[in-house]
Amino acid sequence: MLYLIKIIKKVYNMINYKPFLKLLIDKGLKKSDVLNAGIISKGTLNRMNGNKYVSLEVIDRLCNYFKVGITDIIEFVPDDSDT
């Protein structure tokens, strides 16, 4: 079980939301604008700020709202420590 938890944590550390922050900047928006629009909750935004897991449903809502692809919201960063 501990091994599985380590794998899950490792995968989450390989995903970040930098493209989402860039998207907001490019559109002249703030994080509070997304909250006020009711697209995501404050808790979800906090999880994204910490590069923590958010559901694909949330990613889907963001993609639909901004009319962008998933790579405009999340970024995969491979872990080079295994090579």
C-alpha atoms as a PDB file:
ATOM      1  CA  MET A   1       0.000   0.000   0.000  1.00  0.00           C
ATOM      2  CA  LEU A   2       2.805   2.423   0.858  1.00  0.00           C
ATOM      3  CA  TYR A   3       4.390   1.724  -2.535  1.00  0.00           C
ATOM      4  CA  LEU A   4       1.116   2.646  -4.283  1.00  0.00           C
ATOM      5  CA  ILE A   5       0.896   5.911  -2.352  1.00  0.00           C
ATOM      6  CA  LYS A   6       4.454   6.796  -3.407  1.00  0.00           C
ATOM      7  CA  ILE A   7       3.585   6.131  -7.058  1.00  0.00           C
ATOM      8  CA  ILE A   8       0.461   8.296  -6.855  1.00  0.00           C
ATOM      9  CA  LYS A   9       2.361  11.171  -5.221  1.00  0.00           C
ATOM     10  CA  LYS A  10       5.048  10.907  -7.882  1.00  0.00           C
ATOM     11  CA  VAL A  11       2.496  11.164 -10.706  1.00  0.00           C
ATOM     12  CA  TYR A  12       0.882  14.218  -9.115  1.00  0.00           C
ATOM     13  CA  ASN A  13       4.272  15.897  -8.870  1.00  0.00           C
ATOM     14  CA  MET A  14       4.686  15.500 -12.621  1.00  0.00           C
ATOM     15  CA  ILE A  15       1.593  17.575 -13.443  1.00  0.00           C
ATOM     16  CA  ASN A  16       1.502  21.328 -13.069  1.00  0.00           C
ATOM     17  CA  TYR A  17      -0.921  24.073 -13.968  1.00  0.00           C
ATOM     18  CA  LYS A  18       1.515  26.686 -15.300  1.00  0.00           C
ATOM     19  CA  PRO A  19      -0.261  26.765 -18.678  1.00  0.00           C
ATOM     20  CA  PHE A  20      -3.490  27.699 -16.882  1.00  0.00           C
ATOM     21  CA  LEU A  21      -1.777  30.618 -15.174  1.00  0.00           C
ATOM     22  CA  LYS A  22      -0.322  31.723 -18.513  1.00  0.00           C
ATOM     23  CA  LEU A  23      -3.781  31.473 -20.074  1.00  0.00           C
ATOM     24  CA  LEU A  24      -5.197  33.770 -17.406  1.00  0.00           C
ATOM     25  CA  ILE A  25      -2.410  36.294 -17.995  1.00  0.00           C
ATOM     26  CA  ASP A  26      -2.874  36.156 -21.772  1.00  0.00           C
ATOM     27  CA  LYS A  27      -6.601  36.802 -21.384  1.00  0.00           C
ATOM     28  CA  GLY A  28      -6.050  39.576 -18.834  1.00  0.00           C
ATOM     29  CA  LEU A  29      -7.879  37.658 -16.119  1.00  0.00           C
ATOM     30  CA  LYS A  30      -7.218  37.013 -12.458  1.00  0.00           C
ATOM     31  CA  LYS A  31      -7.828  33.838 -10.511  1.00  0.00           C
ATOM     32  CA  SER A  32     -10.669  35.639  -8.736  1.00  0.00           C
ATOM     33  CA  ASP A  33     -12.396  36.125 -12.107  1.00  0.00           C
ATOM     34  CA  VAL A  34     -12.526  32.345 -12.568  1.00  0.00           C
ATOM     35  CA  LEU A  35     -13.895  31.933  -9.042  1.00  0.00           C
ATOM     36  CA  ASN A  36     -16.515  34.634  -9.529  1.00  0.00           C
ATOM     37  CA  ALA A  37     -17.632  33.015 -12.795  1.00  0.00           C
ATOM     38  CA  GLY A  38     -18.383  29.855 -10.811  1.00  0.00           C
ATOM     39  CA  ILE A  39     -16.237  27.601 -12.972  1.00  0.00           C
ATOM     40  CA  ILE A  40     -14.238  26.140 -10.088  1.00  0.00           C
ATOM     41  CA  SER A  41     -14.331  26.394  -6.319  1.00  0.00           C
ATOM     42  CA  LYS A  42     -11.804  28.118  -4.104  1.00  0.00           C
ATOM     43  CA  GLY A  43     -10.670  24.732  -2.815  1.00  0.00           C
ATOM     44  CA  THR A  44     -10.016  23.519  -6.352  1.00  0.00           C
ATOM     45  CA  LEU A  45      -8.094  26.674  -7.164  1.00  0.00           C
ATOM     46  CA  ASN A  46      -6.007  26.160  -4.024  1.00  0.00           C
ATOM     47  CA  ARG A  47      -5.258  22.593  -5.125  1.00  0.00           C
ATOM     48  CA  MET A  48      -4.192  23.859  -8.540  1.00  0.00           C
ATOM     49  CA  ASN A  49      -1.964  26.495  -6.919  1.00  0.00           C
ATOM     50  CA  GLY A  50      -0.215  23.684  -5.065  1.00  0.00           C
ATOM     51  CA  ASN A  51       0.009  21.491  -8.187  1.00  0.00           C
ATOM     52  CA  LYS A  52      -2.250  18.942  -6.502  1.00  0.00           C
ATOM     53  CA  TYR A  53      -4.729  16.591  -8.137  1.00  0.00           C
ATOM     54  CA  VAL A  54      -7.953  17.984  -9.572  1.00  0.00           C
ATOM     55  CA  SER A  55     -10.468  15.836 -11.396  1.00  0.00           C
ATOM     56  CA  LEU A  56     -10.710  15.587 -15.146  1.00  0.00           C
ATOM     57  CA  GLU A  57     -14.205  17.024 -14.780  1.00  0.00           C
ATOM     58  CA  VAL A  58     -12.646  20.267 -13.547  1.00  0.00           C
ATOM     59  CA  ILE A  59     -10.110  20.261 -16.383  1.00  0.00           C
ATOM     60  CA  ASP A  60     -12.975  19.642 -18.821  1.00  0.00           C
ATOM     61  CA  ARG A  61     -14.967  22.586 -17.422  1.00  0.00           C
ATOM     62  CA  LEU A  62     -11.957  24.880 -17.760  1.00  0.00           C
ATOM     63  CA  CYS A  63     -11.272  23.701 -21.323  1.00  0.00           C
ATOM     64  CA  ASN A  64     -14.909  24.268 -22.293  1.00  0.00           C
ATOM     65  CA  TYR A  65     -15.121  27.669 -20.629  1.00  0.00           C
ATOM     66  CA  PHE A  66     -11.949  28.991 -22.257  1.00  0.00           C
ATOM     67  CA  LYS A  67     -12.411  26.981 -25.504  1.00  0.00           C
ATOM     68  CA  VAL A  68      -8.892  25.547 -25.275  1.00  0.00           C
ATOM     69  CA  GLY A  69      -7.228  22.143 -25.229  1.00  0.00           C
ATOM     70  CA  ILE A  70      -6.041  20.288 -22.167  1.00  0.00           C
ATOM     71  CA  THR A  71      -2.413  21.342 -22.758  1.00  0.00           C
ATOM     72  CA  ASP A  72      -3.520  24.942 -22.265  1.00  0.00           C
ATOM     73  CA  ILE A  73      -4.546  24.010 -18.710  1.00  0.00           C
ATOM     74  CA  ILE A  74      -2.051  21.393 -17.525  1.00  0.00           C
ATOM     75  CA  GLU A  75       1.513  20.437 -18.304  1.00  0.00           C
ATOM     76  CA  PHE A  76       3.239  17.090 -17.871  1.00  0.00           C
ATOM     77  CA  VAL A  77       6.783  17.338 -16.523  1.00  0.00           C
ATOM     78  CA  PRO A  78       8.574  13.989 -16.636  1.00  0.00           C
ATOM     79  CA  ASP A  79      10.525  12.921 -13.585  1.00  0.00           C
ATOM     80  CA  ASP A  80      14.151  12.608 -14.671  1.00  0.00           C
ATOM     81  CA  SER A  81      15.270  10.899 -11.462  1.00  0.00           C
ATOM     82  CA  ASP A  82      14.434   7.436 -12.856  1.00  0.00           C
ATOM     83  CA  THR A  83      16.662   7.723 -15.912  1.00  0.00           C
END
